[in-house]
Amino acid sequence: MDASKTKDINIVVNGRERQVADGQTVAQLLAGLGIARDQVAVELNGDIVRREKWDQTGVSPGSVLEIVQFVGGG
């Protein structure tokens, strides 16, 4: 795809507005943010997105995501 034709959309991630390429999936967004998939839970517009659906679940203009990272400890 020609990068000059890629459209950016506005979304909110953990309370901060971001611009991302239109058509991104949750999995692509996490990769772009450098977040390890095995250490997070994702909520999209108030609904938890199951890990096995991340590759098929797209973000759209105005999407609101909460990404929660798991922290180990004892």
N, C-alpha and C. Protein backbone atom coordinates (compact mmCIF):
# COMPACT_ATOMS: atom_id res chain seq x y z
N MET A 1 0.85 -1.17 0.00
CA MET A 1 0.00 0.00 0.00
C MET A 1 0.89 1.24 0.00
N ASP A 2 0.55 2.22 -0.76
CA ASP A 2 1.30 3.47 -0.84
C ASP A 2 1.10 4.25 0.45
N ALA A 3 2.22 4.51 1.15
CA ALA A 3 2.14 5.19 2.45
C ALA A 3 1.49 6.56 2.34
N SER A 4 1.61 7.21 1.19
CA SER A 4 1.02 8.53 1.05
C SER A 4 -0.50 8.49 1.01
N LYS A 5 -1.07 7.31 0.80
CA LYS A 5 -2.52 7.16 0.74
C LYS A 5 -3.10 6.59 2.03
N THR A 6 -2.24 6.30 3.01
CA THR A 6 -2.71 5.76 4.27
C THR A 6 -3.38 6.86 5.07
N LYS A 7 -4.58 6.58 5.52
CA LYS A 7 -5.35 7.55 6.30
C LYS A 7 -5.13 7.28 7.78
N ASP A 8 -4.92 8.32 8.55
CA ASP A 8 -4.81 8.19 10.00
C ASP A 8 -6.16 8.47 10.63
N ILE A 9 -6.40 7.79 11.75
CA ILE A 9 -7.62 8.00 12.52
C ILE A 9 -7.22 8.35 13.95
N ASN A 10 -8.12 8.98 14.66
CA ASN A 10 -7.90 9.32 16.07
C ASN A 10 -8.59 8.30 16.95
N ILE A 11 -7.82 7.78 17.91
CA ILE A 11 -8.36 6.87 18.93
C ILE A 11 -7.84 7.34 20.28
N VAL A 12 -8.35 6.74 21.35
CA VAL A 12 -7.88 7.05 22.69
C VAL A 12 -7.36 5.75 23.31
N VAL A 13 -6.11 5.80 23.80
CA VAL A 13 -5.50 4.64 24.44
C VAL A 13 -5.10 5.05 25.85
N ASN A 14 -5.70 4.40 26.83
CA ASN A 14 -5.43 4.68 28.24
C ASN A 14 -5.53 6.18 28.53
N GLY A 15 -6.58 6.79 28.00
CA GLY A 15 -6.86 8.19 28.29
C GLY A 15 -6.10 9.20 27.45
N ARG A 16 -5.23 8.74 26.54
CA ARG A 16 -4.44 9.64 25.71
C ARG A 16 -4.83 9.48 24.25
N GLU A 17 -5.09 10.61 23.60
CA GLU A 17 -5.45 10.56 22.18
C GLU A 17 -4.21 10.21 21.36
N ARG A 18 -4.43 9.35 20.35
CA ARG A 18 -3.35 8.92 19.45
C ARG A 18 -3.88 8.89 18.03
N GLN A 19 -2.97 9.04 17.10
CA GLN A 19 -3.30 8.84 15.69
C GLN A 19 -2.66 7.55 15.25
N VAL A 20 -3.45 6.70 14.60
CA VAL A 20 -2.95 5.43 14.08
C VAL A 20 -3.48 5.26 12.66
N ALA A 21 -2.86 4.35 11.94
CA ALA A 21 -3.30 4.08 10.58
C ALA A 21 -4.68 3.45 10.59
N ASP A 22 -5.52 3.88 9.69
CA ASP A 22 -6.86 3.31 9.54
C ASP A 22 -6.73 1.84 9.18
N GLY A 23 -7.59 1.01 9.73
CA GLY A 23 -7.60 -0.41 9.41
C GLY A 23 -6.76 -1.26 10.34
N GLN A 24 -6.12 -0.66 11.34
CA GLN A 24 -5.30 -1.44 12.26
C GLN A 24 -6.17 -2.34 13.13
N THR A 25 -5.60 -3.50 13.45
CA THR A 25 -6.24 -4.40 14.41
C THR A 25 -5.66 -4.13 15.79
N VAL A 26 -6.29 -4.70 16.79
CA VAL A 26 -5.78 -4.59 18.16
C VAL A 26 -4.37 -5.16 18.21
N ALA A 27 -4.13 -6.29 17.57
CA ALA A 27 -2.80 -6.91 17.57
C ALA A 27 -1.76 -5.98 16.95
N GLN A 28 -2.09 -5.34 15.84
CA GLN A 28 -1.17 -4.42 15.19
C GLN A 28 -0.90 -3.20 16.06
N LEU A 29 -1.92 -2.72 16.73
CA LEU A 29 -1.76 -1.57 17.62
C LEU A 29 -0.80 -1.91 18.75
N LEU A 30 -0.99 -3.08 19.38
CA LEU A 30 -0.10 -3.49 20.46
C LEU A 30 1.33 -3.59 19.97
N ALA A 31 1.52 -4.19 18.79
CA ALA A 31 2.87 -4.33 18.22
C ALA A 31 3.48 -2.95 17.99
N GLY A 32 2.71 -2.04 17.45
CA GLY A 32 3.19 -0.69 17.18
C GLY A 32 3.56 0.07 18.44
N LEU A 33 2.90 -0.26 19.54
CA LEU A 33 3.20 0.38 20.82
C LEU A 33 4.32 -0.34 21.58
N GLY A 34 4.78 -1.48 21.02
CA GLY A 34 5.84 -2.23 21.66
C GLY A 34 5.39 -2.96 22.91
N ILE A 35 4.13 -3.36 22.94
CA ILE A 35 3.57 -4.03 24.11
C ILE A 35 3.51 -5.54 23.85
N ALA A 36 4.08 -6.31 24.77
CA ALA A 36 4.06 -7.77 24.66
C ALA A 36 2.63 -8.29 24.83
N ARG A 37 2.20 -9.09 23.87
CA ARG A 37 0.82 -9.59 23.87
C ARG A 37 0.49 -10.48 25.06
N ASP A 38 1.49 -11.18 25.58
CA ASP A 38 1.21 -12.15 26.63
C ASP A 38 1.11 -11.52 28.02
N GLN A 39 1.25 -10.20 28.11
CA GLN A 39 1.25 -9.56 29.42
C GLN A 39 0.18 -8.49 29.57
N VAL A 40 -0.85 -8.51 28.71
CA VAL A 40 -1.86 -7.46 28.78
C VAL A 40 -3.27 -8.00 28.59
N ALA A 41 -4.22 -7.19 29.03
CA ALA A 41 -5.63 -7.38 28.72
C ALA A 41 -6.07 -6.11 28.00
N VAL A 42 -7.01 -6.25 27.05
CA VAL A 42 -7.45 -5.12 26.25
C VAL A 42 -8.96 -4.96 26.34
N GLU A 43 -9.37 -3.73 26.61
CA GLU A 43 -10.78 -3.37 26.59
C GLU A 43 -10.98 -2.37 25.45
N LEU A 44 -11.96 -2.63 24.60
CA LEU A 44 -12.27 -1.77 23.46
C LEU A 44 -13.70 -1.28 23.60
N ASN A 45 -13.85 0.02 23.75
CA ASN A 45 -15.18 0.64 23.89
C ASN A 45 -16.01 -0.02 24.98
N GLY A 46 -15.35 -0.34 26.10
CA GLY A 46 -16.06 -0.88 27.25
C GLY A 46 -16.20 -2.38 27.29
N ASP A 47 -15.75 -3.08 26.25
CA ASP A 47 -15.85 -4.54 26.21
C ASP A 47 -14.46 -5.17 26.16
N ILE A 48 -14.26 -6.22 26.95
CA ILE A 48 -13.00 -6.95 26.93
C ILE A 48 -12.89 -7.67 25.58
N VAL A 49 -11.72 -7.56 24.96
CA VAL A 49 -11.47 -8.26 23.70
C VAL A 49 -10.65 -9.50 24.02
N ARG A 50 -11.19 -10.66 23.70
CA ARG A 50 -10.49 -11.91 23.96
C ARG A 50 -9.23 -11.98 23.11
N ARG A 51 -8.16 -12.46 23.69
CA ARG A 51 -6.85 -12.54 23.05
C ARG A 51 -6.91 -13.19 21.66
N GLU A 52 -7.70 -14.23 21.53
CA GLU A 52 -7.78 -14.93 20.23
C GLU A 52 -8.50 -14.11 19.16
N LYS A 53 -9.12 -13.00 19.54
CA LYS A 53 -9.81 -12.12 18.59
C LYS A 53 -9.00 -10.88 18.21
N TRP A 54 -7.83 -10.68 18.83
CA TRP A 54 -7.05 -9.47 18.58
C TRP A 54 -6.67 -9.30 17.12
N ASP A 55 -6.37 -10.39 16.43
CA ASP A 55 -5.96 -10.30 15.02
C ASP A 55 -7.12 -9.94 14.09
N GLN A 56 -8.35 -10.15 14.52
CA GLN A 56 -9.53 -9.86 13.69
C GLN A 56 -10.28 -8.61 14.13
N THR A 57 -9.95 -8.06 15.30
CA THR A 57 -10.69 -6.93 15.84
C THR A 57 -10.00 -5.62 15.45
N GLY A 58 -10.69 -4.84 14.64
CA GLY A 58 -10.13 -3.57 14.20
C GLY A 58 -10.53 -2.42 15.10
N VAL A 59 -9.71 -1.38 15.06
CA VAL A 59 -10.06 -0.14 15.75
C VAL A 59 -10.58 0.84 14.70
N SER A 60 -11.54 1.64 15.09
CA SER A 60 -12.14 2.59 14.16
C SER A 60 -12.04 3.99 14.75
N PRO A 61 -12.31 5.01 13.94
CA PRO A 61 -12.22 6.38 14.46
C PRO A 61 -13.03 6.54 15.75
N GLY A 62 -12.40 7.13 16.75
CA GLY A 62 -13.08 7.36 18.02
C GLY A 62 -13.04 6.20 18.99
N SER A 63 -12.42 5.07 18.60
CA SER A 63 -12.33 3.93 19.51
C SER A 63 -11.61 4.34 20.79
N VAL A 64 -12.07 3.76 21.90
CA VAL A 64 -11.44 4.00 23.20
C VAL A 64 -10.94 2.66 23.72
N LEU A 65 -9.63 2.58 23.93
CA LEU A 65 -9.02 1.34 24.41
C LEU A 65 -8.38 1.57 25.77
N GLU A 66 -8.50 0.56 26.61
CA GLU A 66 -7.76 0.51 27.87
C GLU A 66 -6.90 -0.73 27.77
N ILE A 67 -5.60 -0.55 27.94
CA ILE A 67 -4.67 -1.66 27.89
C ILE A 67 -4.06 -1.78 29.28
N VAL A 68 -4.28 -2.92 29.89
CA VAL A 68 -3.82 -3.15 31.26
C VAL A 68 -2.72 -4.18 31.23
N GLN A 69 -1.55 -3.80 31.77
CA GLN A 69 -0.42 -4.72 31.81
C GLN A 69 -0.41 -5.46 33.15
N PHE A 70 -0.13 -6.77 33.06
CA PHE A 70 -0.04 -7.59 34.26
C PHE A 70 1.31 -7.36 34.91
N VAL A 71 1.30 -7.27 36.24
CA VAL A 71 2.53 -7.07 36.99
C VAL A 71 2.65 -8.20 37.99
N GLY A 72 3.77 -8.88 37.93
CA GLY A 72 4.02 -9.97 38.88
C GLY A 72 4.58 -9.43 40.19
N GLY A 73 4.49 -10.21 41.17
CA GLY A 73 5.04 -9.78 42.46
C GLY A 73 4.54 -10.69 43.56
N GLY A 74 4.95 -10.42 44.73
CA GLY A 74 4.51 -11.30 45.79
C GLY A 74 4.59 -10.74 47.12
